[in-house]
Amino acid sequence: MALPAAAASLDRASDRELVARCLAAGAGYDAAFDEIYRRHADRVFGFLLKLTRSREAAEDALQETFVRVHRSLERFDPGRDLLVWLLQIARYVAIDAFRVERKVKRLEAAVSGERPEPVRDDPAGAAAEHERAAVVNEVLDGLSIDDRALLVLRHYHGLTFQAIGEVADCSARTAQNRVEAAARRFQLALQARRGEEGGA
């Protein structure tokens, strides 16, 4: 059965047109919002997965991101890039979840009297490339969530400093400085990690 013309045209609509259709439809803008989700959910999920390092946490954060998007769509500036705005909201969601998780772990550690063990990949028997990727991921995990977000946006998603500035609520120049500082902290942590392995 053929789709109605209005529904069939959604996949050809621009992001700006989809947002406008959502807002024009009021509370019943499911079809246009579904298209926004279909178009951008994979990129947002990939970003969240890099930040959370957990599929389950990334799935929860993705759902929360689009709940927040749905609630605040009327505040979207049509002059902005929609994906950048979605990543900005996803970053806030990930930071909120990280803070909650950290509080829970501290509480669990205080109750049990033990320090929580970090989850680490087991590179035994893996190829050298897999081992290198595991080390990089572990070093990333050791950075602050803000540093992790900046590096993922720049090096995994290829965003410009202007776009990163929009996600992080700062100027493009500040975003560049923050990305470069995060990269330096990553390099120092990586060198320290290699030094530990060499001295072991």
Protein backbone atom coordinates (compact mmCIF):
# COMPACT_ATOMS: atom_id res chain seq x y z
CA MET A 1 0.00 0.00 0.00
CA ALA A 2 1.38 3.40 -0.97
CA LEU A 3 2.20 5.91 1.73
CA PRO A 4 0.19 9.14 1.85
CA ALA A 5 1.90 11.93 -0.07
CA ALA A 6 2.57 13.92 3.12
CA ALA A 7 4.30 10.96 4.81
CA ALA A 8 6.23 10.03 1.68
CA SER A 9 7.59 13.57 1.39
CA LEU A 10 9.08 13.58 4.91
CA ASP A 11 12.22 11.73 3.84
CA ARG A 12 12.91 14.46 1.29
CA ALA A 13 12.29 17.34 3.71
CA SER A 14 15.22 19.26 5.16
CA ASP A 15 15.85 19.22 8.91
CA ARG A 16 14.51 22.77 9.10
CA GLU A 17 11.31 21.74 7.30
CA LEU A 18 10.85 18.77 9.63
CA VAL A 19 11.16 20.99 12.71
CA ALA A 20 8.70 23.48 11.17
CA ARG A 21 6.23 20.65 10.49
CA CYS A 22 6.59 19.41 14.05
CA LEU A 23 5.91 22.85 15.47
CA ALA A 24 2.99 23.52 13.09
CA ALA A 25 1.35 20.23 14.09
CA GLY A 26 1.53 20.98 17.82
CA ALA A 27 1.23 17.96 20.09
CA GLY A 28 0.54 15.57 17.22
CA TYR A 29 3.81 15.83 15.31
CA ASP A 30 4.80 12.20 15.52
CA ALA A 31 5.51 11.51 11.83
CA ALA A 32 7.90 14.45 11.35
CA PHE A 33 9.57 13.80 14.71
CA ASP A 34 9.99 10.11 13.80
CA GLU A 35 11.81 11.22 10.66
CA ILE A 36 14.13 13.47 12.71
CA TYR A 37 14.89 10.47 14.93
CA ARG A 38 15.42 8.11 11.97
CA ARG A 39 17.75 10.58 10.31
CA HIS A 40 19.98 11.42 13.29
CA ALA A 41 19.66 8.74 15.97
CA ASP A 42 22.63 6.68 14.72
CA ARG A 43 25.05 9.63 14.88
CA VAL A 44 23.79 10.68 18.31
CA PHE A 45 24.00 7.08 19.56
CA GLY A 46 27.58 6.75 18.25
CA PHE A 47 28.55 9.92 20.12
CA LEU A 48 26.92 8.69 23.33
CA LEU A 49 28.52 5.26 23.01
CA LYS A 50 31.97 6.85 22.81
CA LEU A 51 31.21 8.94 25.89
CA THR A 52 29.56 6.29 28.05
CA ARG A 53 31.57 3.23 26.86
CA SER A 54 28.43 1.18 27.53
CA ARG A 55 25.77 0.16 25.00
CA GLU A 56 23.10 0.05 27.68
CA ALA A 57 24.02 3.49 29.05
CA ALA A 58 24.18 4.91 25.51
CA GLU A 59 20.73 3.50 24.68
CA ASP A 60 19.28 5.05 27.85
CA ALA A 61 20.98 8.35 27.09
CA LEU A 62 19.73 8.29 23.49
CA GLN A 63 16.16 7.85 24.70
CA GLU A 64 16.55 10.67 27.23
CA THR A 65 18.13 12.91 24.58
CA PHE A 66 15.16 12.60 22.25
CA VAL A 67 12.71 13.02 25.13
CA ARG A 68 14.42 16.33 25.90
CA VAL A 69 14.46 17.26 22.21
CA HIS A 70 10.73 16.55 21.97
CA ARG A 71 10.03 18.74 25.00
CA SER A 72 12.16 21.67 23.85
CA LEU A 73 11.75 21.63 20.07
CA GLU A 74 9.98 25.00 20.12
CA ARG A 75 13.24 26.51 21.45
CA PHE A 76 15.28 25.26 18.49
CA ASP A 77 16.82 28.09 16.48
CA PRO A 78 16.16 27.26 12.80
CA GLY A 79 19.38 29.04 11.89
CA ARG A 80 21.38 26.33 13.67
CA ASP A 81 22.42 22.92 12.41
CA LEU A 82 19.95 20.39 13.86
CA LEU A 83 22.54 17.64 14.39
CA VAL A 84 24.80 20.02 16.31
CA TRP A 85 21.86 20.94 18.55
CA LEU A 86 21.06 17.25 19.10
CA LEU A 87 24.69 16.54 20.03
CA GLN A 88 24.62 19.46 22.44
CA ILE A 89 21.60 17.98 24.23
CA ALA A 90 23.18 14.51 24.14
CA ARG A 91 26.30 15.91 25.77
CA TYR A 92 24.24 17.37 28.63
CA VAL A 93 22.43 14.04 29.05
CA ALA A 94 25.73 12.13 29.16
CA ILE A 95 27.24 14.54 31.69
CA ASP A 96 24.13 14.28 33.90
CA ALA A 97 24.25 10.47 33.70
CA PHE A 98 27.98 10.44 34.43
CA ARG A 99 27.49 12.54 37.56
CA VAL A 100 24.69 10.27 38.79
CA GLU A 101 26.77 7.14 38.07
CA ARG A 102 29.76 8.60 39.91
CA LYS A 103 27.62 9.38 42.96
CA VAL A 104 26.15 5.85 42.92
CA LYS A 105 29.61 4.27 42.67
CA ARG A 106 30.90 6.40 45.55
CA LEU A 107 27.88 5.39 47.63
CA GLU A 108 28.32 1.69 46.78
CA ALA A 109 32.04 1.90 47.59
CA ALA A 110 31.29 3.60 50.92
CA VAL A 111 28.72 0.95 51.83
CA SER A 112 30.89 -2.01 50.79
CA GLY A 113 34.17 -0.51 52.00
CA GLU A 114 35.78 -1.39 48.65
CA ARG A 115 37.01 0.65 45.72
CA PRO A 116 35.11 -0.08 42.49
CA GLU A 117 37.27 -1.78 39.89
CA PRO A 118 37.38 -0.12 36.48
CA VAL A 119 36.08 -2.16 33.58
CA ARG A 120 38.92 -2.92 31.20
CA ASP A 121 39.05 -4.65 27.86
CA ASP A 122 40.91 -7.94 27.87
CA PRO A 123 43.38 -7.73 24.97
CA ALA A 124 44.71 -11.27 25.48
CA GLY A 125 45.03 -12.97 22.14
CA ALA A 126 43.85 -9.88 20.24
CA ALA A 127 45.69 -8.34 17.29
CA ALA A 128 48.05 -5.40 17.89
CA GLU A 129 45.50 -2.99 16.44
CA HIS A 130 42.87 -4.19 18.85
CA GLU A 131 45.30 -3.77 21.73
CA ARG A 132 46.14 -0.25 20.63
CA ALA A 133 42.45 0.63 20.37
CA ALA A 134 41.83 -0.81 23.83
CA VAL A 135 44.64 1.31 25.31
CA VAL A 136 43.31 4.43 23.58
CA ASN A 137 39.81 3.73 24.90
CA GLU A 138 41.11 3.18 28.43
CA VAL A 139 43.07 6.42 28.30
CA LEU A 140 39.96 8.20 27.01
CA ASP A 141 37.97 6.68 29.89
CA GLY A 142 40.45 8.20 32.32
CA LEU A 143 39.82 11.74 31.02
CA SER A 144 37.04 13.98 32.25
CA ILE A 145 33.75 13.59 30.41
CA ASP A 146 34.20 17.11 29.01
CA ASP A 147 37.60 16.25 27.52
CA ARG A 148 36.19 12.99 26.18
CA ALA A 149 33.26 14.79 24.55
CA LEU A 150 35.53 17.36 22.88
CA LEU A 151 37.89 14.72 21.46
CA VAL A 152 35.05 12.50 20.24
CA LEU A 153 33.30 15.43 18.53
CA ARG A 154 36.52 16.47 16.80
CA HIS A 155 38.19 13.18 15.93
CA TYR A 156 35.34 10.69 15.62
CA HIS A 157 32.59 12.94 14.28
CA GLY A 158 34.83 15.40 12.43
CA LEU A 159 32.98 18.48 13.65
CA THR A 160 34.44 21.90 12.98
CA PHE A 161 35.54 24.07 15.91
CA GLN A 162 32.52 26.28 15.16
CA ALA A 163 30.15 23.31 15.56
CA ILE A 164 31.99 22.07 18.66
CA GLY A 165 31.63 25.56 20.11
CA GLU A 166 27.87 25.35 19.59
CA VAL A 167 27.72 21.95 21.30
CA ALA A 168 29.89 23.13 24.21
CA ASP A 169 28.34 26.62 24.51
CA CYS A 170 31.50 28.57 23.67
CA SER A 171 33.14 30.38 20.77
CA ALA A 172 34.91 28.53 17.97
CA ARG A 173 38.26 29.87 19.23
CA THR A 174 37.56 28.70 22.78
CA ALA A 175 36.44 25.33 21.42
CA GLN A 176 39.73 25.03 19.51
CA ASN A 177 41.72 25.87 22.64
CA ARG A 178 39.74 23.38 24.70
CA VAL A 179 40.13 20.61 22.10
CA GLU A 180 43.88 21.24 21.91
CA ALA A 181 44.17 21.22 25.72
CA ALA A 182 42.16 17.98 25.88
CA ALA A 183 44.42 16.47 23.22
CA ARG A 184 47.50 17.42 25.27
CA ARG A 185 46.01 15.81 28.38
CA PHE A 186 45.22 12.71 26.33
CA GLN A 187 48.81 12.54 25.03
CA LEU A 188 50.26 12.96 28.51
CA ALA A 189 47.98 10.23 29.88
CA LEU A 190 48.90 7.96 26.97
CA GLN A 191 52.63 8.53 27.54
CA ALA A 192 52.20 7.83 31.25
CA ARG A 193 50.33 4.64 30.43
CA ARG A 194 53.09 3.49 28.07
CA GLY A 195 55.70 4.36 30.69
CA GLU A 196 53.87 2.18 33.24
CA GLU A 197 53.76 -0.72 30.80
CA GLY A 198 57.45 -0.28 29.95
CA GLY A 199 58.42 -0.28 33.63
CA ALA A 200 56.28 -3.29 34.48
